[in-house]
Amino acid sequence: MAYFINDECISCGACEAECPVSAISAGDGKYVIDDSLCIDCGACNGVCPVGAPQPK
């Protein structure tokens, strides 16, 4: 199950740098996760200061 980034995202970029498979990129107003690349590791959630990455 892939993660997604909710509207709490503050666009700090911490999650993008932490993703081991480069599934996260800057989107329009918040970061986004590519479902086809996400390996459900949760690394993004562990570094996010606001807990925006969540499992689907």
PDB file of N, CA and C in Angstrom:
ATOM      1  N   MET A   1       0.840  -1.172   0.000  1.00  0.00           N
ATOM      2  CA  MET A   1       0.000   0.000   0.000  1.00  0.00           C
ATOM      3  C   MET A   1       0.892   1.245   0.000  1.00  0.00           C
ATOM      4  N   ALA A   2       0.697   2.114  -0.935  1.00  0.00           N
ATOM      5  CA  ALA A   2       1.504   3.322  -1.068  1.00  0.00           C
ATOM      6  C   ALA A   2       1.074   4.391  -0.071  1.00  0.00           C
ATOM      7  N   TYR A   3       1.963   5.324   0.161  1.00  0.00           N
ATOM      8  CA  TYR A   3       1.665   6.488   0.993  1.00  0.00           C
ATOM      9  C   TYR A   3       1.156   7.614   0.099  1.00  0.00           C
ATOM     10  N   PHE A   4       0.496   8.592   0.703  1.00  0.00           N
ATOM     11  CA  PHE A   4       0.121   9.819   0.018  1.00  0.00           C
ATOM     12  C   PHE A   4       0.446  10.974   0.965  1.00  0.00           C
ATOM     13  N   ILE A   5       0.499  12.167   0.451  1.00  0.00           N
ATOM     14  CA  ILE A   5       0.793  13.339   1.276  1.00  0.00           C
ATOM     15  C   ILE A   5      -0.470  14.166   1.395  1.00  0.00           C
ATOM     16  N   ASN A   6      -0.912  14.369   2.637  1.00  0.00           N
ATOM     17  CA  ASN A   6      -2.161  15.100   2.855  1.00  0.00           C
ATOM     18  C   ASN A   6      -1.934  16.617   2.806  1.00  0.00           C
ATOM     19  N   ASP A   7      -3.001  17.365   3.015  1.00  0.00           N
ATOM     20  CA  ASP A   7      -2.960  18.821   2.884  1.00  0.00           C
ATOM     21  C   ASP A   7      -2.214  19.525   4.014  1.00  0.00           C
ATOM     22  N   GLU A   8      -1.740  18.780   5.001  1.00  0.00           N
ATOM     23  CA  GLU A   8      -0.956  19.383   6.081  1.00  0.00           C
ATOM     24  C   GLU A   8       0.470  19.704   5.628  1.00  0.00           C
ATOM     25  N   CYS A   9       0.857  19.239   4.461  1.00  0.00           N
ATOM     26  CA  CYS A   9       2.208  19.431   3.927  1.00  0.00           C
ATOM     27  C   CYS A   9       2.594  20.910   3.919  1.00  0.00           C
ATOM     28  N   ILE A  10       3.785  21.204   4.433  1.00  0.00           N
ATOM     29  CA  ILE A  10       4.305  22.570   4.456  1.00  0.00           C
ATOM     30  C   ILE A  10       5.416  22.774   3.419  1.00  0.00           C
ATOM     31  N   SER A  11       5.594  21.815   2.537  1.00  0.00           N
ATOM     32  CA  SER A  11       6.568  21.881   1.439  1.00  0.00           C
ATOM     33  C   SER A  11       7.996  22.116   1.910  1.00  0.00           C
ATOM     34  N   CYS A  12       8.385  21.463   2.995  1.00  0.00           N
ATOM     35  CA  CYS A  12       9.743  21.643   3.524  1.00  0.00           C
ATOM     36  C   CYS A  12      10.775  20.815   2.758  1.00  0.00           C
ATOM     37  N   GLY A  13      10.340  19.730   2.110  1.00  0.00           N
ATOM     38  CA  GLY A  13      11.246  18.906   1.315  1.00  0.00           C
ATOM     39  C   GLY A  13      11.943  17.790   2.066  1.00  0.00           C
ATOM     40  N   ALA A  14      11.705  17.671   3.355  1.00  0.00           N
ATOM     41  CA  ALA A  14      12.373  16.627   4.142  1.00  0.00           C
ATOM     42  C   ALA A  14      12.038  15.236   3.620  1.00  0.00           C
ATOM     43  N   CYS A  15      10.817  15.013   3.230  1.00  0.00           N
ATOM     44  CA  CYS A  15      10.396  13.691   2.762  1.00  0.00           C
ATOM     45  C   CYS A  15      11.061  13.316   1.437  1.00  0.00           C
ATOM     46  N   GLU A  16      11.187  14.284   0.539  1.00  0.00           N
ATOM     47  CA  GLU A  16      11.787  14.005  -0.767  1.00  0.00           C
ATOM     48  C   GLU A  16      13.218  13.496  -0.605  1.00  0.00           C
ATOM     49  N   ALA A  17      13.978  14.128   0.265  1.00  0.00           N
ATOM     50  CA  ALA A  17      15.368  13.732   0.488  1.00  0.00           C
ATOM     51  C   ALA A  17      15.480  12.363   1.144  1.00  0.00           C
ATOM     52  N   GLU A  18      14.483  11.961   1.906  1.00  0.00           N
ATOM     53  CA  GLU A  18      14.527  10.703   2.656  1.00  0.00           C
ATOM     54  C   GLU A  18      14.064   9.493   1.848  1.00  0.00           C
ATOM     55  N   CYS A  19      13.294   9.705   0.791  1.00  0.00           N
ATOM     56  CA  CYS A  19      12.708   8.588   0.022  1.00  0.00           C
ATOM     57  C   CYS A  19      13.792   7.777  -0.693  1.00  0.00           C
ATOM     58  N   PRO A  20      13.891   6.475  -0.384  1.00  0.00           N
ATOM     59  CA  PRO A  20      14.948   5.651  -0.986  1.00  0.00           C
ATOM     60  C   PRO A  20      14.728   5.310  -2.458  1.00  0.00           C
ATOM     61  N   VAL A  21      13.505   5.529  -2.963  1.00  0.00           N
ATOM     62  CA  VAL A  21      13.218   5.184  -4.352  1.00  0.00           C
ATOM     63  C   VAL A  21      12.820   6.402  -5.193  1.00  0.00           C
ATOM     64  N   SER A  22      13.052   7.584  -4.666  1.00  0.00           N
ATOM     65  CA  SER A  22      12.751   8.849  -5.369  1.00  0.00           C
ATOM     66  C   SER A  22      11.314   8.923  -5.868  1.00  0.00           C
ATOM     67  N   ALA A  23      10.371   8.503  -5.018  1.00  0.00           N
ATOM     68  CA  ALA A  23       8.952   8.516  -5.384  1.00  0.00           C
ATOM     69  C   ALA A  23       8.281   9.849  -5.060  1.00  0.00           C
ATOM     70  N   ILE A  24       8.994  10.739  -4.383  1.00  0.00           N
ATOM     71  CA  ILE A  24       8.402  11.995  -3.926  1.00  0.00           C
ATOM     72  C   ILE A  24       8.968  13.159  -4.723  1.00  0.00           C
ATOM     73  N   SER A  25       8.082  14.057  -5.141  1.00  0.00           N
ATOM     74  CA  SER A  25       8.507  15.248  -5.875  1.00  0.00           C
ATOM     75  C   SER A  25       7.622  16.426  -5.497  1.00  0.00           C
ATOM     76  N   ALA A  26       8.112  17.616  -5.789  1.00  0.00           N
ATOM     77  CA  ALA A  26       7.347  18.826  -5.502  1.00  0.00           C
ATOM     78  C   ALA A  26       6.147  18.896  -6.435  1.00  0.00           C
ATOM     79  N   GLY A  27       5.002  19.160  -5.841  1.00  0.00           N
ATOM     80  CA  GLY A  27       3.790  19.311  -6.621  1.00  0.00           C
ATOM     81  C   GLY A  27       3.307  20.748  -6.535  1.00  0.00           C
ATOM     82  N   ASP A  28       2.062  20.958  -6.835  1.00  0.00           N
ATOM     83  CA  ASP A  28       1.470  22.285  -6.812  1.00  0.00           C
ATOM     84  C   ASP A  28       1.003  22.618  -5.397  1.00  0.00           C
ATOM     85  N   GLY A  29       1.859  23.268  -4.630  1.00  0.00           N
ATOM     86  CA  GLY A  29       1.522  23.660  -3.269  1.00  0.00           C
ATOM     87  C   GLY A  29       1.869  22.654  -2.189  1.00  0.00           C
ATOM     88  N   LYS A  30       2.190  21.419  -2.575  1.00  0.00           N
ATOM     89  CA  LYS A  30       2.616  20.397  -1.627  1.00  0.00           C
ATOM     90  C   LYS A  30       3.378  19.321  -2.388  1.00  0.00           C
ATOM     91  N   TYR A  31       4.070  18.467  -1.660  1.00  0.00           N
ATOM     92  CA  TYR A  31       4.785  17.371  -2.295  1.00  0.00           C
ATOM     93  C   TYR A  31       3.809  16.248  -2.632  1.00  0.00           C
ATOM     94  N   VAL A  32       4.165  15.430  -3.604  1.00  0.00           N
ATOM     95  CA  VAL A  32       3.319  14.317  -4.036  1.00  0.00           C
ATOM     96  C   VAL A  32       4.152  13.043  -4.107  1.00  0.00           C
ATOM     97  N   ILE A  33       3.480  11.905  -3.943  1.00  0.00           N
ATOM     98  CA  ILE A  33       4.138  10.602  -4.002  1.00  0.00           C
ATOM     99  C   ILE A  33       3.601   9.825  -5.202  1.00  0.00           C
ATOM    100  N   ASP A  34       4.494   9.317  -6.023  1.00  0.00           N
ATOM    101  CA  ASP A  34       4.130   8.492  -7.174  1.00  0.00           C
ATOM    102  C   ASP A  34       3.795   7.087  -6.673  1.00  0.00           C
ATOM    103  N   ASP A  35       2.518   6.719  -6.774  1.00  0.00           N
ATOM    104  CA  ASP A  35       2.049   5.404  -6.305  1.00  0.00           C
ATOM    105  C   ASP A  35       2.810   4.243  -6.927  1.00  0.00           C
ATOM    106  N   SER A  36       3.212   4.402  -8.175  1.00  0.00           N
ATOM    107  CA  SER A  36       3.860   3.290  -8.874  1.00  0.00           C
ATOM    108  C   SER A  36       5.297   3.067  -8.400  1.00  0.00           C
ATOM    109  N   LEU A  37       5.877   4.036  -7.718  1.00  0.00           N
ATOM    110  CA  LEU A  37       7.245   3.907  -7.217  1.00  0.00           C
ATOM    111  C   LEU A  37       7.320   3.642  -5.718  1.00  0.00           C
ATOM    112  N   CYS A  38       6.327   4.088  -4.973  1.00  0.00           N
ATOM    113  CA  CYS A  38       6.339   3.982  -3.511  1.00  0.00           C
ATOM    114  C   CYS A  38       6.404   2.521  -3.072  1.00  0.00           C
ATOM    115  N   ILE A  39       7.324   2.238  -2.136  1.00  0.00           N
ATOM    116  CA  ILE A  39       7.483   0.863  -1.635  1.00  0.00           C
ATOM    117  C   ILE A  39       6.931   0.702  -0.217  1.00  0.00           C
ATOM    118  N   ASP A  40       6.180   1.697   0.248  1.00  0.00           N
ATOM    119  CA  ASP A  40       5.496   1.637   1.543  1.00  0.00           C
ATOM    120  C   ASP A  40       6.462   1.453   2.709  1.00  0.00           C
ATOM    121  N   CYS A  41       7.599   2.130   2.646  1.00  0.00           N
ATOM    122  CA  CYS A  41       8.591   1.965   3.715  1.00  0.00           C
ATOM    123  C   CYS A  41       8.331   2.883   4.904  1.00  0.00           C
ATOM    124  N   GLY A  42       7.634   4.002   4.673  1.00  0.00           N
ATOM    125  CA  GLY A  42       7.319   4.922   5.754  1.00  0.00           C
ATOM    126  C   GLY A  42       8.421   5.879   6.132  1.00  0.00           C
ATOM    127  N   ALA A  43       9.523   5.873   5.399  1.00  0.00           N
ATOM    128  CA  ALA A  43      10.636   6.771   5.724  1.00  0.00           C
ATOM    129  C   ALA A  43      10.191   8.228   5.665  1.00  0.00           C
ATOM    130  N   CYS A  44       9.333   8.552   4.733  1.00  0.00           N
ATOM    131  CA  CYS A  44       8.854   9.927   4.581  1.00  0.00           C
ATOM    132  C   CYS A  44       8.081  10.388   5.817  1.00  0.00           C
ATOM    133  N   ASN A  45       7.259   9.518   6.341  1.00  0.00           N
ATOM    134  CA  ASN A  45       6.465   9.859   7.527  1.00  0.00           C
ATOM    135  C   ASN A  45       7.351  10.088   8.736  1.00  0.00           C
ATOM    136  N   GLY A  46       8.430   9.345   8.822  1.00  0.00           N
ATOM    137  CA  GLY A  46       9.326   9.457   9.958  1.00  0.00           C
ATOM    138  C   GLY A  46      10.074  10.769  10.052  1.00  0.00           C
ATOM    139  N   VAL A  47      10.241  11.464   8.933  1.00  0.00           N
ATOM    140  CA  VAL A  47      10.982  12.732   8.944  1.00  0.00           C
ATOM    141  C   VAL A  47      10.105  13.970   8.785  1.00  0.00           C
ATOM    142  N   CYS A  48       8.858  13.782   8.474  1.00  0.00           N
ATOM    143  CA  CYS A  48       7.966  14.913   8.245  1.00  0.00           C
ATOM    144  C   CYS A  48       7.605  15.601   9.557  1.00  0.00           C
ATOM    145  N   PRO A  49       7.845  16.905   9.667  1.00  0.00           N
ATOM    146  CA  PRO A  49       7.551  17.611  10.925  1.00  0.00           C
ATOM    147  C   PRO A  49       6.059  17.756  11.222  1.00  0.00           C
ATOM    148  N   VAL A  50       5.210  17.571  10.220  1.00  0.00           N
ATOM    149  CA  VAL A  50       3.766  17.716  10.437  1.00  0.00           C
ATOM    150  C   VAL A  50       2.999  16.419  10.185  1.00  0.00           C
ATOM    151  N   GLY A  51       3.702  15.331   9.872  1.00  0.00           N
ATOM    152  CA  GLY A  51       3.047  14.036   9.660  1.00  0.00           C
ATOM    153  C   GLY A  51       2.163  13.973   8.420  1.00  0.00           C
ATOM    154  N   ALA A  52       2.510  14.734   7.380  1.00  0.00           N
ATOM    155  CA  ALA A  52       1.694  14.769   6.179  1.00  0.00           C
ATOM    156  C   ALA A  52       1.675  13.456   5.379  1.00  0.00           C
ATOM    157  N   PRO A  53       2.785  12.721   5.256  1.00  0.00           N
ATOM    158  CA  PRO A  53       2.713  11.441   4.530  1.00  0.00           C
ATOM    159  C   PRO A  53       1.939  10.420   5.364  1.00  0.00           C
ATOM    160  N   GLN A  54       0.952   9.820   4.745  1.00  0.00           N
ATOM    161  CA  GLN A  54       0.090   8.852   5.429  1.00  0.00           C
ATOM    162  C   GLN A  54      -0.114   7.631   4.539  1.00  0.00           C
ATOM    163  N   PRO A  55      -0.289   6.454   5.125  1.00  0.00           N
ATOM    164  CA  PRO A  55      -0.609   5.282   4.291  1.00  0.00           C
ATOM    165  C   PRO A  55      -2.012   5.412   3.722  1.00  0.00           C
ATOM    166  N   LYS A  56      -2.192   4.914   2.522  1.00  0.00           N
ATOM    167  CA  LYS A  56      -3.524   4.952   1.890  1.00  0.00           C
ATOM    168  C   LYS A  56      -4.428   3.936   2.522  1.00  0.00           C
TER     169      LYS A  56
END
